[in-house]
Amino acid sequence: MAKTVCKLLGVVFVLVGICGFLMPHLLGAHLTPPHNVVHLVSGAIALYFGFAGSGGAARAFCLIFGVVYLLLGVVGWFMGAGPDHMFNVGSILMLGKMDHIIHILLGIIFLAGGALGGSER
């Protein structure tokens, strides 16, 4: 399951990273160029573990990224300001309500993939 999650979310991350340069408010998110680069790098790493990594490595990746994205979403939601829960890291990274919701969902999916990792090859 972990390798499948890595493959699927890897493709999604790469597509969002590319589309974010063309549509910076895709799905109500705030996609700045640095944010898009993070998505492209995350997607490339996920694809590596999905296609070339071992099942155990894919599982570890899912668990680590699951915790990171879940924390990013929860912290952003509670520390964000205003009705859109805006959480900014300078002018480089701007995260709003939809970003937090998406990050929380990604965290849950990654954690599920890691927890249900099974014996994929």
PDB file of N, CA and C in Angstrom:
ATOM      1  N   MET A   1       0.823  -1.198   0.000  1.00  0.00           N
ATOM      2  CA  MET A   1       0.000   0.000   0.000  1.00  0.00           C
ATOM      3  C   MET A   1       0.867   1.262   0.000  1.00  0.00           C
ATOM      4  N   ALA A   2       1.990   1.232   0.711  1.00  0.00           N
ATOM      5  CA  ALA A   2       2.837   2.428   0.809  1.00  0.00           C
ATOM      6  C   ALA A   2       3.411   2.814  -0.548  1.00  0.00           C
ATOM      7  N   LYS A   3       3.846   1.823  -1.320  1.00  0.00           N
ATOM      8  CA  LYS A   3       4.407   2.124  -2.644  1.00  0.00           C
ATOM      9  C   LYS A   3       3.326   2.697  -3.562  1.00  0.00           C
ATOM     10  N   THR A   4       2.116   2.188  -3.458  1.00  0.00           N
ATOM     11  CA  THR A   4       1.005   2.703  -4.265  1.00  0.00           C
ATOM     12  C   THR A   4       0.685   4.142  -3.886  1.00  0.00           C
ATOM     13  N   VAL A   5       0.641   4.424  -2.586  1.00  0.00           N
ATOM     14  CA  VAL A   5       0.394   5.794  -2.122  1.00  0.00           C
ATOM     15  C   VAL A   5       1.496   6.717  -2.630  1.00  0.00           C
ATOM     16  N   CYS A   6       2.741   6.267  -2.560  1.00  0.00           N
ATOM     17  CA  CYS A   6       3.857   7.085  -3.059  1.00  0.00           C
ATOM     18  C   CYS A   6       3.708   7.369  -4.548  1.00  0.00           C
ATOM     19  N   LYS A   7       3.334   6.362  -5.320  1.00  0.00           N
ATOM     20  CA  LYS A   7       3.162   6.552  -6.762  1.00  0.00           C
ATOM     21  C   LYS A   7       2.039   7.544  -7.055  1.00  0.00           C
ATOM     22  N   LEU A   8       0.884   7.321  -6.431  1.00  0.00           N
ATOM     23  CA  LEU A   8      -0.274   8.181  -6.700  1.00  0.00           C
ATOM     24  C   LEU A   8      -0.038   9.617  -6.246  1.00  0.00           C
ATOM     25  N   LEU A   9       0.404   9.772  -5.006  1.00  0.00           N
ATOM     26  CA  LEU A   9       0.614  11.129  -4.505  1.00  0.00           C
ATOM     27  C   LEU A   9       1.824  11.783  -5.155  1.00  0.00           C
ATOM     28  N   GLY A  10       2.795  10.989  -5.560  1.00  0.00           N
ATOM     29  CA  GLY A  10       3.933  11.545  -6.294  1.00  0.00           C
ATOM     30  C   GLY A  10       3.481  12.205  -7.583  1.00  0.00           C
ATOM     31  N   VAL A  11       2.617  11.522  -8.323  1.00  0.00           N
ATOM     32  CA  VAL A  11       2.076  12.094  -9.563  1.00  0.00           C
ATOM     33  C   VAL A  11       1.268  13.348  -9.257  1.00  0.00           C
ATOM     34  N   VAL A  12       0.435  13.284  -8.221  1.00  0.00           N
ATOM     35  CA  VAL A  12      -0.382  14.451  -7.849  1.00  0.00           C
ATOM     36  C   VAL A  12       0.510  15.632  -7.483  1.00  0.00           C
ATOM     37  N   PHE A  13       1.530  15.395  -6.681  1.00  0.00           N
ATOM     38  CA  PHE A  13       2.435  16.479  -6.277  1.00  0.00           C
ATOM     39  C   PHE A  13       3.125  17.109  -7.480  1.00  0.00           C
ATOM     40  N   VAL A  14       3.609  16.287  -8.397  1.00  0.00           N
ATOM     41  CA  VAL A  14       4.284  16.827  -9.581  1.00  0.00           C
ATOM     42  C   VAL A  14       3.304  17.640 -10.421  1.00  0.00           C
ATOM     43  N   LEU A  15       2.096  17.125 -10.622  1.00  0.00           N
ATOM     44  CA  LEU A  15       1.101  17.865 -11.408  1.00  0.00           C
ATOM     45  C   LEU A  15       0.722  19.184 -10.741  1.00  0.00           C
ATOM     46  N   VAL A  16       0.515  19.157  -9.431  1.00  0.00           N
ATOM     47  CA  VAL A  16       0.182  20.393  -8.710  1.00  0.00           C
ATOM     48  C   VAL A  16       1.360  21.357  -8.761  1.00  0.00           C
ATOM     49  N   GLY A  17       2.570  20.843  -8.643  1.00  0.00           N
ATOM     50  CA  GLY A  17       3.757  21.696  -8.730  1.00  0.00           C
ATOM     51  C   GLY A  17       3.849  22.402 -10.065  1.00  0.00           C
ATOM     52  N   ILE A  18       3.569  21.688 -11.147  1.00  0.00           N
ATOM     53  CA  ILE A  18       3.602  22.293 -12.485  1.00  0.00           C
ATOM     54  C   ILE A  18       2.433  23.250 -12.675  1.00  0.00           C
ATOM     55  N   CYS A  19       1.227  22.794 -12.344  1.00  0.00           N
ATOM     56  CA  CYS A  19       0.028  23.626 -12.523  1.00  0.00           C
ATOM     57  C   CYS A  19       0.067  24.875 -11.650  1.00  0.00           C
ATOM     58  N   GLY A  20       0.713  24.774 -10.491  1.00  0.00           N
ATOM     59  CA  GLY A  20       0.788  25.916  -9.582  1.00  0.00           C
ATOM     60  C   GLY A  20       1.487  27.116 -10.186  1.00  0.00           C
ATOM     61  N   PHE A  21       2.419  26.872 -11.101  1.00  0.00           N
ATOM     62  CA  PHE A  21       3.087  27.987 -11.779  1.00  0.00           C
ATOM     63  C   PHE A  21       2.126  28.691 -12.734  1.00  0.00           C
ATOM     64  N   LEU A  22       1.164  27.946 -13.268  1.00  0.00           N
ATOM     65  CA  LEU A  22       0.207  28.510 -14.224  1.00  0.00           C
ATOM     66  C   LEU A  22      -1.057  29.020 -13.545  1.00  0.00           C
ATOM     67  N   MET A  23      -1.466  28.347 -12.465  1.00  0.00           N
ATOM     68  CA  MET A  23      -2.688  28.695 -11.736  1.00  0.00           C
ATOM     69  C   MET A  23      -2.373  28.788 -10.245  1.00  0.00           C
ATOM     70  N   PRO A  24      -1.891  29.935  -9.783  1.00  0.00           N
ATOM     71  CA  PRO A  24      -1.436  30.031  -8.391  1.00  0.00           C
ATOM     72  C   PRO A  24      -2.538  29.904  -7.334  1.00  0.00           C
ATOM     73  N   HIS A  25      -3.800  29.867  -7.746  1.00  0.00           N
ATOM     74  CA  HIS A  25      -4.883  29.707  -6.767  1.00  0.00           C
ATOM     75  C   HIS A  25      -5.670  28.434  -7.037  1.00  0.00           C
ATOM     76  N   LEU A  26      -4.987  27.423  -7.576  1.00  0.00           N
ATOM     77  CA  LEU A  26      -5.587  26.135  -7.877  1.00  0.00           C
ATOM     78  C   LEU A  26      -6.243  25.553  -6.627  1.00  0.00           C
ATOM     79  N   LEU A  27      -7.506  25.164  -6.749  1.00  0.00           N
ATOM     80  CA  LEU A  27      -8.275  24.570  -5.647  1.00  0.00           C
ATOM     81  C   LEU A  27      -8.341  25.466  -4.415  1.00  0.00           C
ATOM     82  N   GLY A  28      -8.200  26.775  -4.602  1.00  0.00           N
ATOM     83  CA  GLY A  28      -8.266  27.707  -3.487  1.00  0.00           C
ATOM     84  C   GLY A  28      -6.994  27.786  -2.668  1.00  0.00           C
ATOM     85  N   ALA A  29      -5.939  27.124  -3.124  1.00  0.00           N
ATOM     86  CA  ALA A  29      -4.662  27.147  -2.405  1.00  0.00           C
ATOM     87  C   ALA A  29      -3.868  28.390  -2.801  1.00  0.00           C
ATOM     88  N   HIS A  30      -2.818  28.654  -2.083  1.00  0.00           N
ATOM     89  CA  HIS A  30      -1.930  29.792  -2.336  1.00  0.00           C
ATOM     90  C   HIS A  30      -0.589  29.234  -2.795  1.00  0.00           C
ATOM     91  N   LEU A  31      -0.429  29.091  -4.111  1.00  0.00           N
ATOM     92  CA  LEU A  31       0.740  28.412  -4.663  1.00  0.00           C
ATOM     93  C   LEU A  31       1.760  29.411  -5.183  1.00  0.00           C
ATOM     94  N   THR A  32       2.729  29.730  -4.340  1.00  0.00           N
ATOM     95  CA  THR A  32       3.824  30.611  -4.740  1.00  0.00           C
ATOM     96  C   THR A  32       4.885  29.761  -5.440  1.00  0.00           C
ATOM     97  N   PRO A  33       5.791  30.375  -6.191  1.00  0.00           N
ATOM     98  CA  PRO A  33       6.846  29.572  -6.835  1.00  0.00           C
ATOM     99  C   PRO A  33       7.628  28.675  -5.861  1.00  0.00           C
ATOM    100  N   PRO A  34       8.044  29.168  -4.677  1.00  0.00           N
ATOM    101  CA  PRO A  34       8.741  28.252  -3.758  1.00  0.00           C
ATOM    102  C   PRO A  34       7.853  27.082  -3.303  1.00  0.00           C
ATOM    103  N   HIS A  35       6.559  27.353  -3.118  1.00  0.00           N
ATOM    104  CA  HIS A  35       5.612  26.309  -2.725  1.00  0.00           C
ATOM    105  C   HIS A  35       5.531  25.253  -3.835  1.00  0.00           C
ATOM    106  N   ASN A  36       5.528  25.709  -5.089  1.00  0.00           N
ATOM    107  CA  ASN A  36       5.488  24.784  -6.224  1.00  0.00           C
ATOM    108  C   ASN A  36       6.751  23.929  -6.289  1.00  0.00           C
ATOM    109  N   VAL A  37       7.891  24.535  -5.988  1.00  0.00           N
ATOM    110  CA  VAL A  37       9.149  23.776  -5.982  1.00  0.00           C
ATOM    111  C   VAL A  37       9.100  22.694  -4.900  1.00  0.00           C
ATOM    112  N   VAL A  38       8.543  23.027  -3.734  1.00  0.00           N
ATOM    113  CA  VAL A  38       8.388  22.027  -2.667  1.00  0.00           C
ATOM    114  C   VAL A  38       7.532  20.864  -3.173  1.00  0.00           C
ATOM    115  N   HIS A  39       6.444  21.188  -3.890  1.00  0.00           N
ATOM    116  CA  HIS A  39       5.591  20.129  -4.430  1.00  0.00           C
ATOM    117  C   HIS A  39       6.338  19.270  -5.449  1.00  0.00           C
ATOM    118  N   LEU A  40       7.110  19.907  -6.322  1.00  0.00           N
ATOM    119  CA  LEU A  40       7.867  19.153  -7.326  1.00  0.00           C
ATOM    120  C   LEU A  40       8.894  18.225  -6.674  1.00  0.00           C
ATOM    121  N   VAL A  41       9.612  18.739  -5.676  1.00  0.00           N
ATOM    122  CA  VAL A  41      10.618  17.919  -4.982  1.00  0.00           C
ATOM    123  C   VAL A  41       9.934  16.791  -4.198  1.00  0.00           C
ATOM    124  N   SER A  42       8.853  17.122  -3.486  1.00  0.00           N
ATOM    125  CA  SER A  42       8.110  16.094  -2.738  1.00  0.00           C
ATOM    126  C   SER A  42       7.605  15.014  -3.684  1.00  0.00           C
ATOM    127  N   GLY A  43       7.071  15.437  -4.827  1.00  0.00           N
ATOM    128  CA  GLY A  43       6.572  14.481  -5.809  1.00  0.00           C
ATOM    129  C   GLY A  43       7.666  13.591  -6.356  1.00  0.00           C
ATOM    130  N   ALA A  44       8.819  14.173  -6.657  1.00  0.00           N
ATOM    131  CA  ALA A  44       9.941  13.388  -7.185  1.00  0.00           C
ATOM    132  C   ALA A  44      10.409  12.357  -6.160  1.00  0.00           C
ATOM    133  N   ILE A  45      10.488  12.769  -4.900  1.00  0.00           N
ATOM    134  CA  ILE A  45      10.919  11.843  -3.845  1.00  0.00           C
ATOM    135  C   ILE A  45       9.883  10.730  -3.674  1.00  0.00           C
ATOM    136  N   ALA A  46       8.602  11.102  -3.658  1.00  0.00           N
ATOM    137  CA  ALA A  46       7.539  10.098  -3.522  1.00  0.00           C
ATOM    138  C   ALA A  46       7.574   9.111  -4.686  1.00  0.00           C
ATOM    139  N   LEU A  47       7.770   9.617  -5.900  1.00  0.00           N
ATOM    140  CA  LEU A  47       7.845   8.733  -7.068  1.00  0.00           C
ATOM    141  C   LEU A  47       9.042   7.788  -6.972  1.00  0.00           C
ATOM    142  N   TYR A  48      10.153   8.299  -6.475  1.00  0.00           N
ATOM    143  CA  TYR A  48      11.324   7.435  -6.294  1.00  0.00           C
ATOM    144  C   TYR A  48      10.980   6.265  -5.368  1.00  0.00           C
ATOM    145  N   PHE A  49      10.402   6.574  -4.204  1.00  0.00           N
ATOM    146  CA  PHE A  49      10.081   5.513  -3.254  1.00  0.00           C
ATOM    147  C   PHE A  49       8.979   4.604  -3.784  1.00  0.00           C
ATOM    148  N   GLY A  50       8.064   5.152  -4.574  1.00  0.00           N
ATOM    149  CA  GLY A  50       6.998   4.336  -5.140  1.00  0.00           C
ATOM    150  C   GLY A  50       7.478   3.359  -6.192  1.00  0.00           C
ATOM    151  N   PHE A  51       8.416   3.790  -7.026  1.00  0.00           N
ATOM    152  CA  PHE A  51       8.864   2.947  -8.132  1.00  0.00           C
ATOM    153  C   PHE A  51      10.189   2.232  -7.881  1.00  0.00           C
ATOM    154  N   ALA A  52      11.136   2.872  -7.223  1.00  0.00           N
ATOM    155  CA  ALA A  52      12.479   2.296  -7.084  1.00  0.00           C
ATOM    156  C   ALA A  52      12.821   1.880  -5.656  1.00  0.00           C
ATOM    157  N   GLY A  53      12.142   2.445  -4.683  1.00  0.00           N
ATOM    158  CA  GLY A  53      12.463   2.140  -3.296  1.00  0.00           C
ATOM    159  C   GLY A  53      11.863   0.819  -2.849  1.00  0.00           C
ATOM    160  N   SER A  54      12.352   0.310  -1.755  1.00  0.00           N
ATOM    161  CA  SER A  54      11.798  -0.919  -1.182  1.00  0.00           C
ATOM    162  C   SER A  54      10.465  -0.606  -0.509  1.00  0.00           C
ATOM    163  N   GLY A  55       9.714  -1.655  -0.210  1.00  0.00           N
ATOM    164  CA  GLY A  55       8.449  -1.469   0.496  1.00  0.00           C
ATOM    165  C   GLY A  55       8.652  -0.819   1.856  1.00  0.00           C
ATOM    166  N   GLY A  56       9.709  -1.225   2.547  1.00  0.00           N
ATOM    167  CA  GLY A  56      10.005  -0.644   3.862  1.00  0.00           C
ATOM    168  C   GLY A  56      10.374   0.821   3.777  1.00  0.00           C
ATOM    169  N   ALA A  57      11.140   1.183   2.744  1.00  0.00           N
ATOM    170  CA  ALA A  57      11.520   2.589   2.561  1.00  0.00           C
ATOM    171  C   ALA A  57      10.299   3.428   2.206  1.00  0.00           C
ATOM    172  N   ALA A  58       9.420   2.886   1.364  1.00  0.00           N
ATOM    173  CA  ALA A  58       8.192   3.604   1.003  1.00  0.00           C
ATOM    174  C   ALA A  58       7.313   3.794   2.237  1.00  0.00           C
ATOM    175  N   ARG A  59       7.261   2.767   3.077  1.00  0.00           N
ATOM    176  CA  ARG A  59       6.471   2.851   4.305  1.00  0.00           C
ATOM    177  C   ARG A  59       7.028   3.934   5.230  1.00  0.00           C
ATOM    178  N   ALA A  60       8.347   3.955   5.405  1.00  0.00           N
ATOM    179  CA  ALA A  60       8.977   4.975   6.255  1.00  0.00           C
ATOM    180  C   ALA A  60       8.732   6.368   5.685  1.00  0.00           C
ATOM    181  N   PHE A  61       8.865   6.510   4.367  1.00  0.00           N
ATOM    182  CA  PHE A  61       8.607   7.798   3.720  1.00  0.00           C
ATOM    183  C   PHE A  61       7.176   8.252   4.001  1.00  0.00           C
ATOM    184  N   CYS A  62       6.211   7.340   3.825  1.00  0.00           N
ATOM    185  CA  CYS A  62       4.807   7.690   4.066  1.00  0.00           C
ATOM    186  C   CYS A  62       4.582   8.128   5.511  1.00  0.00           C
ATOM    187  N   LEU A  63       5.171   7.414   6.447  1.00  0.00           N
ATOM    188  CA  LEU A  63       4.993   7.770   7.857  1.00  0.00           C
ATOM    189  C   LEU A  63       5.620   9.128   8.169  1.00  0.00           C
ATOM    190  N   ILE A  64       6.819   9.367   7.665  1.00  0.00           N
ATOM    191  CA  ILE A  64       7.495  10.646   7.925  1.00  0.00           C
ATOM    192  C   ILE A  64       6.749  11.791   7.255  1.00  0.00           C
ATOM    193  N   PHE A  65       6.434  11.647   5.974  1.00  0.00           N
ATOM    194  CA  PHE A  65       5.724  12.716   5.278  1.00  0.00           C
ATOM    195  C   PHE A  65       4.319  12.894   5.836  1.00  0.00           C
ATOM    196  N   GLY A  66       3.699  11.800   6.284  1.00  0.00           N
ATOM    197  CA  GLY A  66       2.378  11.896   6.896  1.00  0.00           C
ATOM    198  C   GLY A  66       2.397  12.770   8.136  1.00  0.00           C
ATOM    199  N   VAL A  67       3.371  12.543   8.992  1.00  0.00           N
ATOM    200  CA  VAL A  67       3.506  13.357  10.206  1.00  0.00           C
ATOM    201  C   VAL A  67       3.800  14.808   9.839  1.00  0.00           C
ATOM    202  N   VAL A  68       4.717  15.021   8.891  1.00  0.00           N
ATOM    203  CA  VAL A  68       5.093  16.386   8.496  1.00  0.00           C
ATOM    204  C   VAL A  68       3.890  17.138   7.937  1.00  0.00           C
ATOM    205  N   TYR A  69       3.168  16.535   7.002  1.00  0.00           N
ATOM    206  CA  TYR A  69       2.034  17.230   6.391  1.00  0.00           C
ATOM    207  C   TYR A  69       0.881  17.411   7.370  1.00  0.00           C
ATOM    208  N   LEU A  70       0.632  16.426   8.212  1.00  0.00           N
ATOM    209  CA  LEU A  70      -0.426  16.565   9.210  1.00  0.00           C
ATOM    210  C   LEU A  70      -0.097  17.699  10.177  1.00  0.00           C
ATOM    211  N   LEU A  71       1.136  17.739  10.668  1.00  0.00           N
ATOM    212  CA  LEU A  71       1.543  18.829  11.564  1.00  0.00           C
ATOM    213  C   LEU A  71       1.487  20.182  10.865  1.00  0.00           C
ATOM    214  N   LEU A  72       1.943  20.238   9.622  1.00  0.00           N
ATOM    215  CA  LEU A  72       1.896  21.488   8.868  1.00  0.00           C
ATOM    216  C   LEU A  72       0.467  21.995   8.759  1.00  0.00           C
ATOM    217  N   GLY A  73      -0.467  21.106   8.470  1.00  0.00           N
ATOM    218  CA  GLY A  73      -1.867  21.501   8.355  1.00  0.00           C
ATOM    219  C   GLY A  73      -2.468  21.945   9.676  1.00  0.00           C
ATOM    220  N   VAL A  74      -2.234  21.180  10.724  1.00  0.00           N
ATOM    221  CA  VAL A  74      -2.811  21.502  12.038  1.00  0.00           C
ATOM    222  C   VAL A  74      -2.192  22.777  12.609  1.00  0.00           C
ATOM    223  N   VAL A  75      -0.872  22.884  12.564  1.00  0.00           N
ATOM    224  CA  VAL A  75      -0.203  24.088  13.081  1.00  0.00           C
ATOM    225  C   VAL A  75      -0.624  25.309  12.276  1.00  0.00           C
ATOM    226  N   GLY A  76      -0.661  25.182  10.960  1.00  0.00           N
ATOM    227  CA  GLY A  76      -1.088  26.295  10.117  1.00  0.00           C
ATOM    228  C   GLY A  76      -2.500  26.739  10.432  1.00  0.00           C
ATOM    229  N   TRP A  77      -3.380  25.782  10.662  1.00  0.00           N
ATOM    230  CA  TRP A  77      -4.778  26.103  10.956  1.00  0.00           C
ATOM    231  C   TRP A  77      -4.888  26.880  12.267  1.00  0.00           C
ATOM    232  N   PHE A  78      -4.217  26.402  13.313  1.00  0.00           N
ATOM    233  CA  PHE A  78      -4.358  27.026  14.622  1.00  0.00           C
ATOM    234  C   PHE A  78      -3.496  28.274  14.802  1.00  0.00           C
ATOM    235  N   MET A  79      -2.407  28.393  14.062  1.00  0.00           N
ATOM    236  CA  MET A  79      -1.559  29.577  14.193  1.00  0.00           C
ATOM    237  C   MET A  79      -1.865  30.626  13.128  1.00  0.00           C
ATOM    238  N   GLY A  80      -2.683  30.249  12.145  1.00  0.00           N
ATOM    239  CA  GLY A  80      -3.034  31.182  11.082  1.00  0.00           C
ATOM    240  C   GLY A  80      -3.916  32.304  11.595  1.00  0.00           C
ATOM    241  N   ALA A  81      -3.850  33.437  10.901  1.00  0.00           N
ATOM    242  CA  ALA A  81      -4.599  34.620  11.329  1.00  0.00           C
ATOM    243  C   ALA A  81      -5.766  34.894  10.384  1.00  0.00           C
ATOM    244  N   GLY A  82      -6.792  35.514  10.937  1.00  0.00           N
ATOM    245  CA  GLY A  82      -7.917  35.965  10.133  1.00  0.00           C
ATOM    246  C   GLY A  82      -8.857  34.837   9.745  1.00  0.00           C
ATOM    247  N   PRO A  83      -9.898  35.186   8.990  1.00  0.00           N
ATOM    248  CA  PRO A  83     -10.907  34.187   8.616  1.00  0.00           C
ATOM    249  C   PRO A  83     -10.357  33.096   7.688  1.00  0.00           C
ATOM    250  N   ASP A  84      -9.272  33.385   6.966  1.00  0.00           N
ATOM    251  CA  ASP A  84      -8.684  32.385   6.069  1.00  0.00           C
ATOM    252  C   ASP A  84      -7.538  31.634   6.747  1.00  0.00           C
ATOM    253  N   HIS A  85      -7.339  31.883   8.046  1.00  0.00           N
ATOM    254  CA  HIS A  85      -6.275  31.215   8.813  1.00  0.00           C
ATOM    255  C   HIS A  85      -4.920  31.329   8.112  1.00  0.00           C
ATOM    256  N   MET A  86      -4.606  32.520   7.587  1.00  0.00           N
ATOM    257  CA  MET A  86      -3.362  32.710   6.828  1.00  0.00           C
ATOM    258  C   MET A  86      -2.140  32.523   7.725  1.00  0.00           C
ATOM    259  N   PHE A  87      -1.251  31.693   7.272  1.00  0.00           N
ATOM    260  CA  PHE A  87       0.002  31.415   7.963  1.00  0.00           C
ATOM    261  C   PHE A  87       1.106  31.664   6.947  1.00  0.00           C
ATOM    262  N   ASN A  88       1.893  32.703   7.168  1.00  0.00           N
ATOM    263  CA  ASN A  88       2.917  33.103   6.203  1.00  0.00           C
ATOM    264  C   ASN A  88       4.319  32.880   6.752  1.00  0.00           C
ATOM    265  N   VAL A  89       5.187  32.450   5.862  1.00  0.00           N
ATOM    266  CA  VAL A  89       6.615  32.377   6.155  1.00  0.00           C
ATOM    267  C   VAL A  89       7.237  33.439   5.265  1.00  0.00           C
ATOM    268  N   GLY A  90       7.305  34.660   5.803  1.00  0.00           N
ATOM    269  CA  GLY A  90       7.732  35.800   4.991  1.00  0.00           C
ATOM    270  C   GLY A  90       6.803  35.941   3.805  1.00  0.00           C
ATOM    271  N   SER A  91       7.343  36.289   2.670  1.00  0.00           N
ATOM    272  CA  SER A  91       6.520  36.342   1.463  1.00  0.00           C
ATOM    273  C   SER A  91       6.799  35.122   0.586  1.00  0.00           C
ATOM    274  N   ILE A  92       7.553  34.181   1.136  1.00  0.00           N
ATOM    275  CA  ILE A  92       7.938  32.994   0.373  1.00  0.00           C
ATOM    276  C   ILE A  92       6.821  31.957   0.354  1.00  0.00           C
ATOM    277  N   LEU A  93       6.232  31.706   1.494  1.00  0.00           N
ATOM    278  CA  LEU A  93       5.231  30.659   1.622  1.00  0.00           C
ATOM    279  C   LEU A  93       4.008  31.230   2.311  1.00  0.00           C
ATOM    280  N   MET A  94       2.879  31.210   1.606  1.00  0.00           N
ATOM    281  CA  MET A  94       1.626  31.698   2.164  1.00  0.00           C
ATOM    282  C   MET A  94       0.639  30.540   2.182  1.00  0.00           C
ATOM    283  N   LEU A  95       0.174  30.195   3.366  1.00  0.00           N
ATOM    284  CA  LEU A  95      -0.738  29.069   3.507  1.00  0.00           C
ATOM    285  C   LEU A  95      -2.050  29.546   4.100  1.00  0.00           C
ATOM    286  N   GLY A  96      -3.149  29.214   3.446  1.00  0.00           N
ATOM    287  CA  GLY A  96      -4.476  29.596   3.910  1.00  0.00           C
ATOM    288  C   GLY A  96      -5.306  28.369   4.262  1.00  0.00           C
ATOM    289  N   LYS A  97      -6.595  28.597   4.488  1.00  0.00           N
ATOM    290  CA  LYS A  97      -7.507  27.553   4.939  1.00  0.00           C
ATOM    291  C   LYS A  97      -7.473  26.308   4.042  1.00  0.00           C
ATOM    292  N   MET A  98      -7.573  26.487   2.718  1.00  0.00           N
ATOM    293  CA  MET A  98      -7.558  25.328   1.822  1.00  0.00           C
ATOM    294  C   MET A  98      -6.220  24.599   1.872  1.00  0.00           C
ATOM    295  N   ASP A  99      -5.127  25.357   1.978  1.00  0.00           N
ATOM    296  CA  ASP A  99      -3.808  24.720   2.095  1.00  0.00           C
ATOM    297  C   ASP A  99      -3.767  23.819   3.328  1.00  0.00           C
ATOM    298  N   HIS A 100      -4.293  24.324   4.441  1.00  0.00           N
ATOM    299  CA  HIS A 100      -4.273  23.555   5.688  1.00  0.00           C
ATOM    300  C   HIS A 100      -5.123  22.292   5.560  1.00  0.00           C
ATOM    301  N   ILE A 101      -6.308  22.438   4.974  1.00  0.00           N
ATOM    302  CA  ILE A 101      -7.193  21.279   4.797  1.00  0.00           C
ATOM    303  C   ILE A 101      -6.523  20.239   3.901  1.00  0.00           C
ATOM    304  N   ILE A 102      -5.942  20.690   2.798  1.00  0.00           N
ATOM    305  CA  ILE A 102      -5.258  19.775   1.877  1.00  0.00           C
ATOM    306  C   ILE A 102      -4.078  19.100   2.576  1.00  0.00           C
ATOM    307  N   HIS A 103      -3.304  19.859   3.352  1.00  0.00           N
ATOM    308  CA  HIS A 103      -2.156  19.269   4.053  1.00  0.00           C
ATOM    309  C   HIS A 103      -2.602  18.240   5.088  1.00  0.00           C
ATOM    310  N   ILE A 104      -3.696  18.515   5.791  1.00  0.00           N
ATOM    311  CA  ILE A 104      -4.219  17.555   6.769  1.00  0.00           C
ATOM    312  C   ILE A 104      -4.657  16.272   6.058  1.00  0.00           C
ATOM    313  N   LEU A 105      -5.380  16.411   4.944  1.00  0.00           N
ATOM    314  CA  LEU A 105      -5.815  15.231   4.190  1.00  0.00           C
ATOM    315  C   LEU A 105      -4.620  14.435   3.655  1.00  0.00           C
ATOM    316  N   LEU A 106      -3.622  15.147   3.123  1.00  0.00           N
ATOM    317  CA  LEU A 106      -2.415  14.467   2.639  1.00  0.00           C
ATOM    318  C   LEU A 106      -1.718  13.723   3.775  1.00  0.00           C
ATOM    319  N   GLY A 107      -1.644  14.360   4.939  1.00  0.00           N
ATOM    320  CA  GLY A 107      -1.028  13.718   6.095  1.00  0.00           C
ATOM    321  C   GLY A 107      -1.740  12.428   6.464  1.00  0.00           C
ATOM    322  N   ILE A 108      -3.069  12.465   6.452  1.00  0.00           N
ATOM    323  CA  ILE A 108      -3.857  11.274   6.786  1.00  0.00           C
ATOM    324  C   ILE A 108      -3.630  10.170   5.751  1.00  0.00           C
ATOM    325  N   ILE A 109      -3.627  10.541   4.464  1.00  0.00           N
ATOM    326  CA  ILE A 109      -3.418   9.543   3.402  1.00  0.00           C
ATOM    327  C   ILE A 109      -2.023   8.933   3.503  1.00  0.00           C
ATOM    328  N   PHE A 110      -1.007   9.777   3.689  1.00  0.00           N
ATOM    329  CA  PHE A 110       0.357   9.256   3.832  1.00  0.00           C
ATOM    330  C   PHE A 110       0.458   8.338   5.051  1.00  0.00           C
ATOM    331  N   LEU A 111      -0.116   8.756   6.184  1.00  0.00           N
ATOM    332  CA  LEU A 111      -0.048   7.925   7.388  1.00  0.00           C
ATOM    333  C   LEU A 111      -0.772   6.596   7.187  1.00  0.00           C
ATOM    334  N   ALA A 112      -1.920   6.630   6.515  1.00  0.00           N
ATOM    335  CA  ALA A 112      -2.642   5.387   6.233  1.00  0.00           C
ATOM    336  C   ALA A 112      -1.801   4.479   5.343  1.00  0.00           C
ATOM    337  N   GLY A 113      -1.168   5.062   4.326  1.00  0.00           N
ATOM    338  CA  GLY A 113      -0.303   4.274   3.446  1.00  0.00           C
ATOM    339  C   GLY A 113       0.855   3.649   4.197  1.00  0.00           C
ATOM    340  N   GLY A 114       1.410   4.394   5.137  1.00  0.00           N
ATOM    341  CA  GLY A 114       2.513   3.866   5.933  1.00  0.00           C
ATOM    342  C   GLY A 114       2.055   2.817   6.927  1.00  0.00           C
ATOM    343  N   ALA A 115       0.919   3.064   7.567  1.00  0.00           N
ATOM    344  CA  ALA A 115       0.412   2.133   8.574  1.00  0.00           C
ATOM    345  C   ALA A 115      -0.067   0.830   7.943  1.00  0.00           C
ATOM    346  N   LEU A 116      -0.616   0.926   6.737  1.00  0.00           N
ATOM    347  CA  LEU A 116      -1.120  -0.259   6.040  1.00  0.00           C
ATOM    348  C   LEU A 116      -0.125  -0.749   5.002  1.00  0.00           C
ATOM    349  N   GLY A 117       1.143  -0.416   5.216  1.00  0.00           N
ATOM    350  CA  GLY A 117       2.208  -0.680   4.247  1.00  0.00           C
ATOM    351  C   GLY A 117       2.250  -2.080   3.678  1.00  0.00           C
ATOM    352  N   GLY A 118       1.962  -3.072   4.457  1.00  0.00           N
ATOM    353  CA  GLY A 118       1.969  -4.440   3.963  1.00  0.00           C
ATOM    354  C   GLY A 118       3.328  -4.894   3.461  1.00  0.00           C
ATOM    355  N   SER A 119       3.305  -5.862   2.564  1.00  0.00           N
ATOM    356  CA  SER A 119       4.554  -6.457   2.073  1.00  0.00           C
ATOM    357  C   SER A 119       4.736  -6.207   0.578  1.00  0.00           C
ATOM    358  N   GLU A 120       4.626  -4.975   0.155  1.00  0.00           N
ATOM    359  CA  GLU A 120       4.836  -4.642  -1.254  1.00  0.00           C
ATOM    360  C   GLU A 120       6.299  -4.813  -1.614  1.00  0.00           C
ATOM    361  N   ARG A 121       6.538  -5.118  -2.857  1.00  0.00           N
ATOM    362  CA  ARG A 121       7.917  -5.251  -3.337  1.00  0.00           C
ATOM    363  C   ARG A 121       8.230  -4.114  -4.245  1.00  0.00           C
TER     364      ARG A 121
END
